[in-house]
Structure formats: C-alpha cells, structure tokens
Amino acid sequence: MPDTTRNLALPFILPAQAQKHVTHNEALQRLDALVQLVVAGTSSSPPTAPEEGEIHWVVEPESGLWTGHAGQLALFQDSVWVFMTPRIGWHALFLDEQRLRIFDGTEWIVPPLAEEARFERLGIAADADGFNRLSLSSPAALFNHAGDSHRLAINKAGTADTASMIFQSNWQGRAEMGLAGEDRFSLKVNGDLTGWRQAVSVTPEGYVRHDQRPLARAALAATTLTPTAGSFTGFDDLHLSGGDMSLGVPLASGHGRPLVVAASGYYLLSLCVSAVSTSTHTVHVSRNGSADIASHVGGAGTSSTVALVWLDAGDTLALRHQGTIQYQFGYGKTELSLAFL
C-alpha cells in the first residue's frame, strides 16, 4: 500500500505509526491548500514577505529556495516552502489575473469556450447591456468565409421597423444605411446644421433617388419684358427645387432675385430663352454679377443652350442681357435649369 493518496498526495496514517497526529495534520494542511486552490501569481523567485498559506506557480529560471522546483506549486507553510506537483485537470484561481485556469499537464490554461453555447449578453473587451446585448471594443472586426461565400443578415420584424447600420463620430450618429422605417434602402447623413437627411434611396424596384441633390428650375413670374442693355433679370419662382437651392435678395433692376447655389461642384446648366423680337439677341448666365459662365445667342422664338459648369456654394446666378430685345418670361419661357452632377 502506498504512503500517500493518488491524486493529492495526502499522507496516510500507517499501522503502528507514532505521532499519528503529525501525519493527519499534514494531510489537513495540504487539503487546505489544494481544495479551492488559489494561486497568488506566477514567479521564478520567492516573494520577500510571504503570508502563511500563500501559493505561487514556479516558472524558469527559478532561483533561491525555489531552485529546481519549476513547474510546481510553492506553498508557504509553517514558515517554509512546501512544493506540490499539479495533475492534469486541476483548477486554480490566479489572483494576479483574476482568472480561473486549468492545468493541462504543462501549463495553466484559460478554460476554452464551449463549442455550442447561448449567451443572453456578450461583451468582448466591452460591457454589454440589456439593449446592446453584443458589445465589441476592437481596432477591427473580421467576418470571414468558411470555405466559399459569407453573408451578414440584419432582419427586422416588419416594414415599419428598422434594419440599419449607424456610423458614429464621438458617439454622435453621422450616417445610417439600411431599411429605416420602410422597405426602401436608404443612406442618411446627419449634419450639425441640417440634422438627419436622406441622401440616397433605392426602391424595391431598383429605382435610385438622390433626395438632397441640388437642382432648380427658376423663372420670373409670367410677363413680357424688354430689359435694358447690360441689365440683369433674376427669378421669382423655383418651379423645381432640391438640395437647399434658393433665391437671394432682389436685384437692383427690380426684376426678380438671383439663384443661390447650395453646394460646390459640377452642374449641368440649361438656359431657355423665349424672344419676341426678331433681331438677334444675346443672354448671358452671370455668376456673382461679374463673370459670364454660359451664353446664348438666338433670334425670335424659343431656343436654349446647355453648359457644364463648376460652381461654388454661395454663388449667385442671374441673366445679363446684351442689346434691347423683348422677351417672354415665365414657366416654359425664359428660364434657367440647374442640376448637380
């Protein structure tokens, strides 16, 4: 019969043994150390002032009183170091890490996660809560294929609900894409001055809409007018308007207001002119009252010209007339159309 137990190496009280209490107390002390095993930390040298019952995991290069005991547990008991060799499957709480570990025969490893599990909340380097049940804090996240394709599904209960992705800057929502309260796919953005706006949407049929695209169809109120040479005419009405296009302050001529450009970029410009007089006329599209960016030369009747131009946000557009010709103004007559590309 061996002198110790198989798993914990607890000493047996042997027949006819003197001072049986010594063996019994030694077994109790070992049980006290190994049952609910708590390891203070991992080290290669003894601490300077250990407490009674303190346990350490000894690693190379060991030194001092721990020399030759790498791969063992060092227990400070009765003012001396007692060494114990762990067995596969032992569990221990490592206080310095606040982590439970399992001995695999060589090292103390973190218990692996189950292959199948259900969690009500999961935080990865972050705290999950009742609303954000999955929370991740990381420089990046990778969703990889398992042999061929990979798809990420975001499902909602019904048409009026939302299935979307929100992009934030300093915890403030700046963009959202997905099915937001409808079954159209949309891209929304949030500006400090404008608030949330839908920039692009795609219908279930595949039609694409640019909801905030700057565009305008501008004209004076319906009238027949003969502007003086070199004078400007503007616009009274925006028959079509989008993307914050607007009309400015009244022109000095008293004929309408200039069109104010909302955003910088390339624009497709179309000038339609309806002349009553039969003589040749010239009408310029003037930017900021100083630069002609498109010109139209024509005769009696309705004709038009198209130009591709660059405009800056805040530019104003008006019509500058060369010569003295009578024009028809109004919707479908003399008017200016502009669309952001």
Protein backbone atom coordinates (compact mmCIF):
# COMPACT_ATOMS: atom_id res chain seq x y z
CA MET A 1 0.00 0.00 0.00
CA PRO A 2 1.41 3.44 -0.92
CA ASP A 3 2.10 6.04 1.75
CA THR A 4 0.06 8.82 0.05
CA THR A 5 -3.21 9.20 -1.82
CA ARG A 6 -3.08 9.06 -5.62
CA ASN A 7 -4.44 12.49 -6.61
CA LEU A 8 -3.49 14.96 -3.87
CA ALA A 9 -0.55 13.03 -2.34
CA LEU A 10 -2.12 13.24 1.12
CA PRO A 11 -0.08 11.16 3.65
CA PHE A 12 -1.77 8.07 5.08
CA ILE A 13 -1.65 7.21 8.77
CA LEU A 14 0.29 3.94 8.71
CA PRO A 15 -0.18 0.99 11.07
CA ALA A 16 1.75 1.26 14.35
CA GLN A 17 2.80 4.79 13.37
CA ALA A 18 3.91 7.03 16.25
CA GLN A 19 2.61 10.58 16.47
CA LYS A 20 -0.25 9.92 14.10
CA HIS A 21 -1.46 13.48 14.58
CA VAL A 22 1.55 14.78 12.63
CA THR A 23 0.56 12.86 9.52
CA HIS A 24 -3.09 13.78 10.00
CA ASN A 25 -2.32 17.48 10.36
CA GLU A 26 -0.05 17.41 7.30
CA ALA A 27 -2.90 15.96 5.24
CA LEU A 28 -5.28 18.63 6.51
CA GLN A 29 -2.82 21.39 5.62
CA ARG A 30 -2.45 20.02 2.09
CA LEU A 31 -6.22 19.81 1.74
CA ASP A 32 -6.49 23.37 3.00
CA ALA A 33 -4.12 24.49 0.26
CA LEU A 34 -5.42 22.46 -2.67
CA VAL A 35 -9.19 22.44 -2.14
CA GLN A 36 -10.50 25.73 -3.59
CA LEU A 37 -6.97 26.28 -4.92
CA VAL A 38 -5.97 29.97 -5.11
CA VAL A 39 -2.62 30.92 -6.68
CA ALA A 40 -1.22 34.35 -5.84
CA GLY A 41 0.69 34.56 -9.11
CA THR A 42 3.41 33.23 -11.39
CA SER A 43 7.05 33.88 -10.47
CA SER A 44 10.57 32.46 -10.68
CA SER A 45 11.73 33.65 -7.24
CA PRO A 46 10.15 33.64 -3.75
CA PRO A 47 8.45 36.81 -2.51
CA THR A 48 10.28 38.67 0.25
CA ALA A 49 7.43 38.57 2.79
CA PRO A 50 5.01 35.73 2.00
CA GLU A 51 1.95 35.13 4.12
CA GLU A 52 1.11 31.79 5.69
CA GLY A 53 -0.76 29.63 3.18
CA GLU A 54 0.32 31.72 0.17
CA ILE A 55 0.77 29.72 -3.06
CA HIS A 56 2.76 30.56 -6.21
CA TRP A 57 3.32 28.85 -9.56
CA VAL A 58 7.07 28.45 -10.08
CA VAL A 59 8.50 29.04 -13.57
CA GLU A 60 12.01 29.06 -15.03
CA PRO A 61 14.57 30.40 -14.35
CA GLU A 62 13.82 29.66 -10.73
CA SER A 63 16.16 30.97 -8.04
CA GLY A 64 16.79 30.94 -4.30
CA LEU A 65 14.72 28.50 -2.27
CA TRP A 66 12.72 27.67 -5.40
CA THR A 67 15.68 26.37 -7.39
CA GLY A 68 14.85 23.03 -9.00
CA HIS A 69 11.10 23.43 -8.50
CA ALA A 70 9.98 24.93 -11.82
CA GLY A 71 6.61 23.51 -12.83
CA GLN A 72 5.46 23.10 -9.20
CA LEU A 73 3.22 24.93 -6.80
CA ALA A 74 5.10 26.55 -3.92
CA LEU A 75 3.10 26.67 -0.66
CA PHE A 76 4.39 28.77 2.24
CA GLN A 77 3.51 26.61 5.27
CA ASP A 78 4.87 26.80 8.79
CA SER A 79 7.47 29.36 7.62
CA VAL A 80 8.94 27.02 4.99
CA TRP A 81 8.24 26.40 1.32
CA VAL A 82 6.44 23.16 0.51
CA PHE A 83 6.26 22.12 -3.14
CA MET A 84 3.40 20.27 -4.85
CA THR A 85 3.18 18.95 -8.39
CA PRO A 86 -0.23 19.60 -10.01
CA ARG A 87 -2.04 16.99 -12.04
CA ILE A 88 -3.96 17.36 -15.29
CA GLY A 89 -7.37 18.89 -14.70
CA TRP A 90 -6.62 20.82 -11.52
CA HIS A 91 -8.46 24.15 -11.32
CA ALA A 92 -6.99 27.28 -9.73
CA LEU A 93 -7.91 30.94 -9.44
CA PHE A 94 -4.90 33.13 -10.28
CA LEU A 95 -5.33 36.23 -8.14
CA ASP A 96 -2.99 38.48 -10.13
CA GLU A 97 -5.13 37.93 -13.25
CA GLN A 98 -8.50 37.39 -11.54
CA ARG A 99 -8.89 34.45 -13.90
CA LEU A 100 -9.72 30.77 -13.48
CA ARG A 101 -7.18 28.44 -15.11
CA ILE A 102 -6.89 24.67 -15.69
CA PHE A 103 -3.64 22.67 -15.61
CA ASP A 104 -3.12 20.78 -18.89
CA GLY A 105 -0.09 18.81 -17.76
CA THR A 106 2.39 21.54 -18.68
CA GLU A 107 0.81 24.96 -18.27
CA TRP A 108 -2.16 26.61 -16.60
CA ILE A 109 -4.51 27.47 -19.45
CA VAL A 110 -7.71 29.52 -19.65
CA PRO A 111 -10.68 27.14 -19.95
CA PRO A 112 -11.78 27.05 -23.60
CA LEU A 113 -15.27 28.15 -24.53
CA ALA A 114 -17.85 25.51 -25.30
CA GLU A 115 -18.35 24.74 -28.98
CA GLU A 116 -22.05 25.40 -28.55
CA ALA A 117 -23.37 27.98 -26.11
CA ARG A 118 -26.15 30.52 -25.65
CA PHE A 119 -25.48 33.88 -24.00
CA GLU A 120 -28.03 36.48 -23.00
CA ARG A 121 -25.28 39.14 -23.17
CA LEU A 122 -21.74 39.08 -24.56
CA GLY A 123 -19.12 41.80 -24.22
CA ILE A 124 -15.76 41.48 -25.99
CA ALA A 125 -13.38 43.94 -24.32
CA ALA A 126 -16.51 45.97 -23.60
CA ASP A 127 -19.63 45.90 -21.42
CA ALA A 128 -22.87 44.57 -22.87
CA ASP A 129 -26.24 45.73 -21.54
CA GLY A 130 -29.92 44.98 -21.96
CA PHE A 131 -30.14 46.91 -25.25
CA ASN A 132 -26.64 46.33 -26.69
CA ARG A 133 -26.56 42.63 -25.88
CA LEU A 134 -23.46 42.20 -28.04
CA SER A 135 -20.73 44.76 -27.47
CA LEU A 136 -17.25 44.80 -29.04
CA SER A 137 -14.32 47.17 -28.49
CA SER A 138 -11.59 46.49 -31.04
CA PRO A 139 -9.48 48.20 -33.75
CA ALA A 140 -11.16 45.97 -36.34
CA ALA A 141 -13.59 43.09 -36.75
CA LEU A 142 -13.30 40.29 -39.32
CA PHE A 143 -16.17 38.18 -40.62
CA ASN A 144 -14.52 35.53 -42.79
CA HIS A 145 -15.95 32.85 -45.07
CA ALA A 146 -15.95 29.19 -44.04
CA GLY A 147 -14.94 27.80 -47.42
CA ASP A 148 -16.72 29.94 -50.00
CA SER A 149 -19.21 32.81 -49.51
CA HIS A 150 -20.13 34.90 -46.48
CA ARG A 151 -23.33 36.89 -45.88
CA LEU A 152 -24.34 39.14 -42.99
CA ALA A 153 -28.09 39.36 -42.42
CA ILE A 154 -29.85 42.14 -40.49
CA ASN A 155 -33.52 41.27 -40.07
CA LYS A 156 -36.47 43.39 -38.91
CA ALA A 157 -39.97 42.36 -37.92
CA GLY A 158 -41.96 44.37 -40.46
CA THR A 159 -41.99 47.20 -42.99
CA ALA A 160 -42.42 49.98 -40.43
CA ASP A 161 -39.48 48.75 -38.35
CA THR A 162 -35.78 49.44 -38.94
CA ALA A 163 -32.86 47.25 -40.01
CA SER A 164 -29.86 49.50 -40.44
CA MET A 165 -26.24 50.29 -39.61
CA ILE A 166 -25.37 53.57 -37.89
CA PHE A 167 -21.95 55.19 -38.14
CA GLN A 168 -20.95 57.48 -35.29
CA SER A 169 -18.28 60.07 -34.56
CA ASN A 170 -17.59 60.61 -30.85
CA TRP A 171 -20.85 58.72 -30.11
CA GLN A 172 -22.90 61.04 -32.33
CA GLY A 173 -24.70 59.47 -35.26
CA ARG A 174 -23.36 60.82 -38.55
CA ALA A 175 -24.65 58.32 -41.13
CA GLU A 176 -27.18 55.50 -41.37
CA MET A 177 -27.71 52.96 -44.11
CA GLY A 178 -30.35 50.27 -44.40
CA LEU A 179 -34.11 49.89 -44.22
CA ALA A 180 -35.13 52.76 -41.93
CA GLY A 181 -38.85 52.61 -41.21
CA GLU A 182 -39.67 51.37 -44.72
CA ASP A 183 -38.54 48.81 -47.29
CA ARG A 184 -36.60 51.29 -49.41
CA PHE A 185 -32.84 51.06 -48.93
CA SER A 186 -31.58 54.47 -47.89
CA LEU A 187 -28.44 56.33 -46.93
CA LYS A 188 -28.97 59.09 -44.41
CA VAL A 189 -26.48 61.64 -43.09
CA ASN A 190 -26.54 63.97 -40.12
CA GLY A 191 -25.04 67.47 -40.36
CA ASP A 192 -24.67 69.92 -37.50
CA LEU A 193 -26.81 72.48 -39.33
CA THR A 194 -29.18 70.27 -41.29
CA GLY A 195 -29.86 67.39 -38.91
CA TRP A 196 -30.72 63.97 -40.35
CA ARG A 197 -31.38 63.90 -44.09
CA GLN A 198 -31.94 61.13 -46.58
CA ALA A 199 -29.24 61.49 -49.24
CA VAL A 200 -29.87 58.42 -51.44
CA SER A 201 -32.69 55.89 -51.57
CA VAL A 202 -33.35 52.82 -53.69
CA THR A 203 -36.88 51.49 -54.14
CA PRO A 204 -37.63 47.75 -54.05
CA GLU A 205 -37.96 48.01 -57.84
CA GLY A 206 -34.39 49.30 -58.11
CA TYR A 207 -35.09 52.97 -58.82
CA VAL A 208 -32.41 55.25 -57.36
CA ARG A 209 -33.30 58.66 -55.94
CA HIS A 210 -30.91 61.42 -54.88
CA ASP A 211 -33.19 63.02 -52.32
CA GLN A 212 -30.94 66.00 -51.48
CA ARG A 213 -29.47 66.56 -54.92
CA PRO A 214 -29.14 70.34 -55.56
CA LEU A 215 -31.31 71.31 -58.54
CA ALA A 216 -33.58 74.13 -59.59
CA ARG A 217 -35.87 75.30 -62.37
CA ALA A 218 -36.11 79.05 -61.93
CA ALA A 219 -38.15 81.67 -63.78
CA LEU A 220 -39.67 85.11 -63.39
CA ALA A 221 -43.39 85.41 -62.99
CA ALA A 222 -45.11 85.23 -66.39
CA THR A 223 -44.62 88.55 -68.20
CA THR A 224 -43.34 90.18 -71.38
CA LEU A 225 -40.41 92.46 -70.70
CA THR A 226 -37.73 94.41 -72.58
CA PRO A 227 -34.67 94.62 -70.30
CA THR A 228 -32.26 97.47 -70.90
CA ALA A 229 -28.86 96.63 -72.34
CA GLY A 230 -26.46 95.41 -69.66
CA SER A 231 -29.18 94.93 -67.05
CA PHE A 232 -29.87 91.78 -65.06
CA THR A 233 -33.01 89.74 -64.61
CA GLY A 234 -33.47 87.12 -61.97
CA PHE A 235 -36.24 84.83 -60.87
CA ASP A 236 -39.43 84.95 -58.84
CA ASP A 237 -40.30 81.27 -58.68
CA LEU A 238 -38.50 77.95 -58.20
CA HIS A 239 -40.74 75.56 -60.08
CA LEU A 240 -38.40 72.73 -59.11
CA SER A 241 -36.05 72.91 -56.15
CA GLY A 242 -33.87 70.49 -54.22
CA GLY A 243 -30.81 70.37 -52.00
CA ASP A 244 -31.23 73.84 -50.42
CA MET A 245 -31.23 75.80 -53.67
CA SER A 246 -32.82 79.19 -53.00
CA LEU A 247 -33.34 82.73 -54.25
CA GLY A 248 -31.28 85.66 -52.95
CA VAL A 249 -32.05 89.32 -52.32
CA PRO A 250 -33.88 91.34 -55.02
CA LEU A 251 -31.77 92.59 -57.90
CA ALA A 252 -31.14 96.30 -58.37
CA SER A 253 -33.06 96.11 -61.67
CA GLY A 254 -36.18 95.20 -59.76
CA HIS A 255 -36.71 92.13 -61.94
CA GLY A 256 -36.53 89.11 -59.63
CA ARG A 257 -33.82 87.66 -57.42
CA PRO A 258 -30.66 85.68 -58.23
CA LEU A 259 -30.48 81.91 -57.81
CA VAL A 260 -28.20 80.95 -54.88
CA VAL A 261 -26.08 77.80 -55.34
CA ALA A 262 -26.28 75.35 -52.42
CA ALA A 263 -23.16 73.20 -52.81
CA SER A 264 -19.81 73.30 -54.61
CA GLY A 265 -19.37 71.03 -57.60
CA TYR A 266 -20.06 70.46 -61.28
CA TYR A 267 -23.52 71.41 -62.55
CA LEU A 268 -25.41 70.83 -65.76
CA LEU A 269 -26.89 74.19 -66.72
CA SER A 270 -29.66 74.76 -69.23
CA LEU A 271 -30.77 78.24 -70.32
CA CYS A 272 -34.03 78.54 -72.22
CA VAL A 273 -34.78 81.88 -73.89
CA SER A 274 -38.10 82.93 -75.42
CA ALA A 275 -37.65 86.09 -77.58
CA VAL A 276 -40.44 88.12 -79.17
CA SER A 277 -38.30 90.44 -81.26
CA THR A 278 -36.95 89.03 -84.50
CA SER A 279 -33.49 90.51 -84.22
CA THR A 280 -30.55 88.54 -82.84
CA HIS A 281 -30.23 88.59 -79.07
CA THR A 282 -27.60 87.51 -76.54
CA VAL A 283 -28.29 86.41 -72.96
CA HIS A 284 -25.50 85.50 -70.53
CA VAL A 285 -25.70 83.48 -67.33
CA SER A 286 -23.73 85.64 -64.93
CA ARG A 287 -22.10 84.35 -61.75
CA ASN A 288 -21.97 86.78 -58.85
CA GLY A 289 -22.79 89.62 -61.26
CA SER A 290 -19.27 89.64 -62.65
CA ALA A 291 -18.45 86.53 -64.68
CA ASP A 292 -20.39 85.11 -67.62
CA ILE A 293 -20.29 81.30 -67.42
CA ALA A 294 -22.71 80.49 -70.26
CA SER A 295 -24.07 82.48 -73.20
CA HIS A 296 -26.98 82.10 -75.58
CA VAL A 297 -27.32 83.78 -78.97
CA GLY A 298 -30.61 83.43 -80.81
CA GLY A 299 -33.46 85.02 -82.68
CA ALA A 300 -37.23 85.10 -82.36
CA GLY A 301 -38.94 82.13 -80.73
CA THR A 302 -37.77 79.73 -78.06
CA SER A 303 -34.27 78.26 -78.07
CA SER A 304 -31.82 77.01 -75.47
CA THR A 305 -28.21 76.33 -74.61
CA VAL A 306 -26.60 73.77 -72.31
CA ALA A 307 -23.30 74.04 -70.46
CA LEU A 308 -21.27 72.12 -67.89
CA VAL A 309 -20.01 74.49 -65.20
CA TRP A 310 -18.26 74.47 -61.84
CA LEU A 311 -19.98 76.46 -59.12
CA ASP A 312 -19.08 77.16 -55.50
CA ALA A 313 -21.52 77.11 -52.64
CA GLY A 314 -22.99 80.60 -52.22
CA ASP A 315 -22.51 81.67 -55.84
CA THR A 316 -25.40 83.65 -57.29
CA LEU A 317 -26.72 83.29 -60.85
CA ALA A 318 -28.70 85.85 -62.85
CA LEU A 319 -29.28 86.64 -66.53
CA ARG A 320 -27.35 89.51 -68.10
CA HIS A 321 -28.93 90.91 -71.25
CA GLN A 322 -26.96 92.27 -74.21
CA GLY A 323 -28.93 94.54 -76.52
CA THR A 324 -32.55 95.64 -76.16
CA ILE A 325 -34.89 92.78 -77.04
CA GLN A 326 -38.38 91.88 -75.87
CA TYR A 327 -38.62 88.53 -74.06
CA GLN A 328 -41.35 86.33 -72.70
CA PHE A 329 -40.65 85.29 -69.10
CA GLY A 330 -42.29 82.57 -67.02
CA TYR A 331 -42.51 78.81 -66.75
CA GLY A 332 -41.58 77.20 -70.07
CA LYS A 333 -40.43 80.55 -71.47
CA THR A 334 -37.21 82.30 -70.44
CA GLU A 335 -35.94 80.23 -67.52
CA LEU A 336 -32.83 78.66 -66.04
CA SER A 337 -32.45 74.99 -65.01
CA LEU A 338 -29.57 73.68 -62.92
CA ALA A 339 -28.71 70.18 -61.68
CA PHE A 340 -25.79 69.00 -59.51
CA LEU A 341 -23.82 66.15 -61.11
